[in-house]
Protein backbone atom coordinates (compact mmCIF):
# COMPACT_ATOMS: atom_id res chain seq x y z
CA UNK A 1 0.00 0.00 0.00
CA UNK A 2 1.06 3.61 -0.32
CA UNK A 3 2.15 5.60 2.72
CA UNK A 4 -0.59 8.16 1.91
CA UNK A 5 -3.20 5.59 2.94
CA UNK A 6 -2.21 5.89 6.62
CA UNK A 7 -0.44 9.26 6.87
CA UNK A 8 -0.32 12.85 5.71
CA UNK A 9 2.70 15.15 5.49
CA UNK A 10 4.02 18.70 5.71
CA UNK A 11 7.17 20.21 4.24
CA UNK A 12 9.41 23.08 5.26
CA UNK A 13 12.68 24.50 4.00
CA UNK A 14 15.64 26.58 5.10
CA UNK A 15 18.33 27.27 2.55
CA UNK A 16 19.32 24.00 0.89
CA UNK A 17 17.71 21.87 3.61
CA UNK A 18 14.20 20.43 3.42
CA UNK A 19 12.26 18.76 6.19
CA UNK A 20 9.23 16.56 5.85
CA UNK A 21 6.94 15.51 8.66
CA UNK A 22 4.95 12.32 8.17
CA UNK A 23 1.98 12.15 10.53
CA UNK A 24 -0.16 9.04 11.04
CA UNK A 25 -3.90 9.61 10.64
CA UNK A 26 -4.41 7.16 13.50
CA UNK A 27 -1.93 6.55 16.34
CA UNK A 28 -2.24 2.79 15.80
CA UNK A 29 -0.21 3.22 12.58
CA UNK A 30 2.73 4.98 14.24
CA UNK A 31 4.64 1.72 14.93
CA UNK A 32 4.31 0.87 11.22
CA UNK A 33 5.75 4.27 10.29
CA UNK A 34 8.65 3.82 12.74
CA UNK A 35 9.39 0.36 11.35
CA UNK A 36 9.17 1.03 7.62
CA UNK A 37 9.78 4.73 6.96
CA UNK A 38 13.48 4.87 7.77
CA UNK A 39 16.12 7.44 6.89
CA UNK A 40 17.63 4.94 4.47
CA UNK A 41 14.34 4.35 2.65
CA UNK A 42 13.60 8.07 2.43
CA UNK A 43 17.12 8.73 1.06
CA UNK A 44 16.65 5.96 -1.54
CA UNK A 45 13.17 7.26 -2.42
CA UNK A 46 14.68 10.68 -3.18
CA UNK A 47 17.76 9.38 -5.03
CA UNK A 48 18.95 12.06 -7.44
CA UNK A 49 17.13 14.79 -5.48
CA UNK A 50 18.62 14.65 -1.98
CA UNK A 51 22.39 14.75 -2.23
CA UNK A 52 23.11 15.05 1.49
CA UNK A 53 22.20 13.28 4.68
CA UNK A 54 18.69 12.28 5.78
CA UNK A 55 18.14 12.33 9.54
CA UNK A 56 14.94 11.03 11.13
CA UNK A 57 13.46 12.43 14.33
CA UNK A 58 10.69 10.54 16.11
CA UNK A 59 7.73 12.40 17.64
CA UNK A 60 5.73 9.62 19.34
CA UNK A 61 3.36 11.99 21.16
CA UNK A 62 2.24 13.26 17.74
CA UNK A 63 2.43 9.85 15.99
CA UNK A 64 4.83 11.52 13.58
CA UNK A 65 8.30 11.33 12.07
CA UNK A 66 10.31 14.31 10.85
CA UNK A 67 13.00 13.93 8.20
CA UNK A 68 15.67 16.60 7.75
CA UNK A 69 17.31 16.33 4.34
CA UNK A 70 20.44 18.34 3.54
CA UNK A 71 21.51 19.35 0.05
CA UNK A 72 17.96 18.75 -1.12
CA UNK A 73 16.87 21.93 -2.89
CA UNK A 74 19.41 22.57 -5.62
CA UNK A 75 21.33 25.12 -3.57
CA UNK A 76 18.31 26.74 -1.93
CA UNK A 77 15.46 28.99 -2.97
CA UNK A 78 17.58 31.95 -4.02
CA UNK A 79 20.06 29.84 -5.99
CA UNK A 80 17.95 27.13 -7.58
CA UNK A 81 16.27 27.12 -10.97
CA UNK A 82 14.12 24.16 -9.91
CA UNK A 83 10.36 24.40 -10.45
CA UNK A 84 9.84 23.62 -6.75
CA UNK A 85 12.72 25.39 -5.03
CA UNK A 86 10.89 25.32 -1.67
CA UNK A 87 10.47 21.54 -1.90
CA UNK A 88 6.72 21.63 -1.21
CA UNK A 89 6.06 18.76 -3.60
CA UNK A 90 8.54 16.53 -1.74
CA UNK A 91 5.96 15.75 0.96
CA UNK A 92 3.50 14.50 -1.63
CA UNK A 93 6.24 12.50 -3.33
CA UNK A 94 7.17 10.82 -0.03
CA UNK A 95 3.56 9.74 0.49
CA UNK A 96 3.96 7.67 -2.68
CA UNK A 97 6.39 5.38 -0.82
CA UNK A 98 5.30 1.74 -0.84
CA UNK A 99 4.96 0.13 2.58
CA UNK A 100 3.79 -3.28 3.75
CA UNK A 101 0.37 -3.13 5.40
CA UNK A 102 0.17 -3.88 9.11
CA UNK A 103 -1.85 -6.85 10.32
CA UNK A 104 -4.82 -4.51 11.01
CA UNK A 105 -4.70 -3.13 7.47
CA UNK A 106 -4.84 -6.31 5.41
C-alpha atoms as a PDB file:
ATOM      1  CA  UNK A   1       0.000   0.000   0.000  1.00  0.00           C
ATOM      2  CA  UNK A   2       1.060   3.612  -0.322  1.00  0.00           C
ATOM      3  CA  UNK A   3       2.147   5.596   2.717  1.00  0.00           C
ATOM      4  CA  UNK A   4      -0.586   8.159   1.914  1.00  0.00           C
ATOM      5  CA  UNK A   5      -3.204   5.593   2.944  1.00  0.00           C
ATOM      6  CA  UNK A   6      -2.207   5.890   6.618  1.00  0.00           C
ATOM      7  CA  UNK A   7      -0.444   9.262   6.875  1.00  0.00           C
ATOM      8  CA  UNK A   8      -0.320  12.847   5.707  1.00  0.00           C
ATOM      9  CA  UNK A   9       2.696  15.150   5.493  1.00  0.00           C
ATOM     10  CA  UNK A  10       4.017  18.702   5.708  1.00  0.00           C
ATOM     11  CA  UNK A  11       7.166  20.210   4.243  1.00  0.00           C
ATOM     12  CA  UNK A  12       9.413  23.078   5.257  1.00  0.00           C
ATOM     13  CA  UNK A  13      12.679  24.500   4.002  1.00  0.00           C
ATOM     14  CA  UNK A  14      15.641  26.576   5.096  1.00  0.00           C
ATOM     15  CA  UNK A  15      18.334  27.272   2.551  1.00  0.00           C
ATOM     16  CA  UNK A  16      19.322  24.004   0.888  1.00  0.00           C
ATOM     17  CA  UNK A  17      17.710  21.871   3.610  1.00  0.00           C
ATOM     18  CA  UNK A  18      14.202  20.430   3.417  1.00  0.00           C
ATOM     19  CA  UNK A  19      12.265  18.763   6.186  1.00  0.00           C
ATOM     20  CA  UNK A  20       9.230  16.561   5.845  1.00  0.00           C
ATOM     21  CA  UNK A  21       6.938  15.510   8.664  1.00  0.00           C
ATOM     22  CA  UNK A  22       4.946  12.324   8.169  1.00  0.00           C
ATOM     23  CA  UNK A  23       1.976  12.149  10.530  1.00  0.00           C
ATOM     24  CA  UNK A  24      -0.162   9.043  11.039  1.00  0.00           C
ATOM     25  CA  UNK A  25      -3.896   9.608  10.638  1.00  0.00           C
ATOM     26  CA  UNK A  26      -4.409   7.164  13.496  1.00  0.00           C
ATOM     27  CA  UNK A  27      -1.931   6.546  16.339  1.00  0.00           C
ATOM     28  CA  UNK A  28      -2.243   2.789  15.799  1.00  0.00           C
ATOM     29  CA  UNK A  29      -0.206   3.216  12.577  1.00  0.00           C
ATOM     30  CA  UNK A  30       2.726   4.983  14.238  1.00  0.00           C
ATOM     31  CA  UNK A  31       4.636   1.719  14.925  1.00  0.00           C
ATOM     32  CA  UNK A  32       4.310   0.868  11.220  1.00  0.00           C
ATOM     33  CA  UNK A  33       5.751   4.275  10.288  1.00  0.00           C
ATOM     34  CA  UNK A  34       8.645   3.818  12.739  1.00  0.00           C
ATOM     35  CA  UNK A  35       9.391   0.363  11.355  1.00  0.00           C
ATOM     36  CA  UNK A  36       9.165   1.033   7.619  1.00  0.00           C
ATOM     37  CA  UNK A  37       9.785   4.728   6.962  1.00  0.00           C
ATOM     38  CA  UNK A  38      13.484   4.870   7.772  1.00  0.00           C
ATOM     39  CA  UNK A  39      16.123   7.443   6.886  1.00  0.00           C
ATOM     40  CA  UNK A  40      17.628   4.939   4.472  1.00  0.00           C
ATOM     41  CA  UNK A  41      14.338   4.348   2.653  1.00  0.00           C
ATOM     42  CA  UNK A  42      13.605   8.071   2.430  1.00  0.00           C
ATOM     43  CA  UNK A  43      17.124   8.727   1.057  1.00  0.00           C
ATOM     44  CA  UNK A  44      16.650   5.956  -1.536  1.00  0.00           C
ATOM     45  CA  UNK A  45      13.175   7.263  -2.418  1.00  0.00           C
ATOM     46  CA  UNK A  46      14.682  10.678  -3.182  1.00  0.00           C
ATOM     47  CA  UNK A  47      17.755   9.376  -5.031  1.00  0.00           C
ATOM     48  CA  UNK A  48      18.949  12.056  -7.443  1.00  0.00           C
ATOM     49  CA  UNK A  49      17.131  14.788  -5.480  1.00  0.00           C
ATOM     50  CA  UNK A  50      18.616  14.645  -1.984  1.00  0.00           C
ATOM     51  CA  UNK A  51      22.391  14.751  -2.227  1.00  0.00           C
ATOM     52  CA  UNK A  52      23.114  15.053   1.487  1.00  0.00           C
ATOM     53  CA  UNK A  53      22.199  13.282   4.679  1.00  0.00           C
ATOM     54  CA  UNK A  54      18.686  12.277   5.776  1.00  0.00           C
ATOM     55  CA  UNK A  55      18.143  12.334   9.543  1.00  0.00           C
ATOM     56  CA  UNK A  56      14.938  11.029  11.134  1.00  0.00           C
ATOM     57  CA  UNK A  57      13.456  12.435  14.326  1.00  0.00           C
ATOM     58  CA  UNK A  58      10.687  10.541  16.107  1.00  0.00           C
ATOM     59  CA  UNK A  59       7.733  12.396  17.640  1.00  0.00           C
ATOM     60  CA  UNK A  60       5.735   9.617  19.344  1.00  0.00           C
ATOM     61  CA  UNK A  61       3.357  11.988  21.160  1.00  0.00           C
ATOM     62  CA  UNK A  62       2.243  13.258  17.743  1.00  0.00           C
ATOM     63  CA  UNK A  63       2.429   9.849  15.988  1.00  0.00           C
ATOM     64  CA  UNK A  64       4.833  11.524  13.577  1.00  0.00           C
ATOM     65  CA  UNK A  65       8.301  11.330  12.071  1.00  0.00           C
ATOM     66  CA  UNK A  66      10.310  14.307  10.851  1.00  0.00           C
ATOM     67  CA  UNK A  67      12.997  13.932   8.195  1.00  0.00           C
ATOM     68  CA  UNK A  68      15.669  16.600   7.752  1.00  0.00           C
ATOM     69  CA  UNK A  69      17.314  16.326   4.337  1.00  0.00           C
ATOM     70  CA  UNK A  70      20.444  18.335   3.535  1.00  0.00           C
ATOM     71  CA  UNK A  71      21.507  19.349   0.051  1.00  0.00           C
ATOM     72  CA  UNK A  72      17.958  18.748  -1.116  1.00  0.00           C
ATOM     73  CA  UNK A  73      16.869  21.934  -2.888  1.00  0.00           C
ATOM     74  CA  UNK A  74      19.414  22.569  -5.624  1.00  0.00           C
ATOM     75  CA  UNK A  75      21.325  25.122  -3.567  1.00  0.00           C
ATOM     76  CA  UNK A  76      18.311  26.738  -1.925  1.00  0.00           C
ATOM     77  CA  UNK A  77      15.459  28.994  -2.969  1.00  0.00           C
ATOM     78  CA  UNK A  78      17.578  31.948  -4.023  1.00  0.00           C
ATOM     79  CA  UNK A  79      20.059  29.835  -5.992  1.00  0.00           C
ATOM     80  CA  UNK A  80      17.952  27.129  -7.580  1.00  0.00           C
ATOM     81  CA  UNK A  81      16.269  27.118 -10.970  1.00  0.00           C
ATOM     82  CA  UNK A  82      14.119  24.160  -9.913  1.00  0.00           C
ATOM     83  CA  UNK A  83      10.363  24.401 -10.447  1.00  0.00           C
ATOM     84  CA  UNK A  84       9.841  23.621  -6.752  1.00  0.00           C
ATOM     85  CA  UNK A  85      12.725  25.387  -5.030  1.00  0.00           C
ATOM     86  CA  UNK A  86      10.891  25.322  -1.671  1.00  0.00           C
ATOM     87  CA  UNK A  87      10.469  21.539  -1.904  1.00  0.00           C
ATOM     88  CA  UNK A  88       6.719  21.629  -1.212  1.00  0.00           C
ATOM     89  CA  UNK A  89       6.058  18.763  -3.600  1.00  0.00           C
ATOM     90  CA  UNK A  90       8.539  16.530  -1.739  1.00  0.00           C
ATOM     91  CA  UNK A  91       5.964  15.752   0.964  1.00  0.00           C
ATOM     92  CA  UNK A  92       3.499  14.499  -1.630  1.00  0.00           C
ATOM     93  CA  UNK A  93       6.245  12.496  -3.325  1.00  0.00           C
ATOM     94  CA  UNK A  94       7.170  10.818  -0.032  1.00  0.00           C
ATOM     95  CA  UNK A  95       3.559   9.740   0.489  1.00  0.00           C
ATOM     96  CA  UNK A  96       3.958   7.671  -2.684  1.00  0.00           C
ATOM     97  CA  UNK A  97       6.394   5.382  -0.823  1.00  0.00           C
ATOM     98  CA  UNK A  98       5.300   1.743  -0.838  1.00  0.00           C
ATOM     99  CA  UNK A  99       4.962   0.126   2.582  1.00  0.00           C
ATOM    100  CA  UNK A 100       3.793  -3.276   3.748  1.00  0.00           C
ATOM    101  CA  UNK A 101       0.373  -3.131   5.404  1.00  0.00           C
ATOM    102  CA  UNK A 102       0.173  -3.881   9.108  1.00  0.00           C
ATOM    103  CA  UNK A 103      -1.855  -6.847  10.317  1.00  0.00           C
ATOM    104  CA  UNK A 104      -4.818  -4.505  11.014  1.00  0.00           C
ATOM    105  CA  UNK A 105      -4.705  -3.125   7.467  1.00  0.00           C
ATOM    106  CA  UNK A 106      -4.843  -6.310   5.405  1.00  0.00           C
END
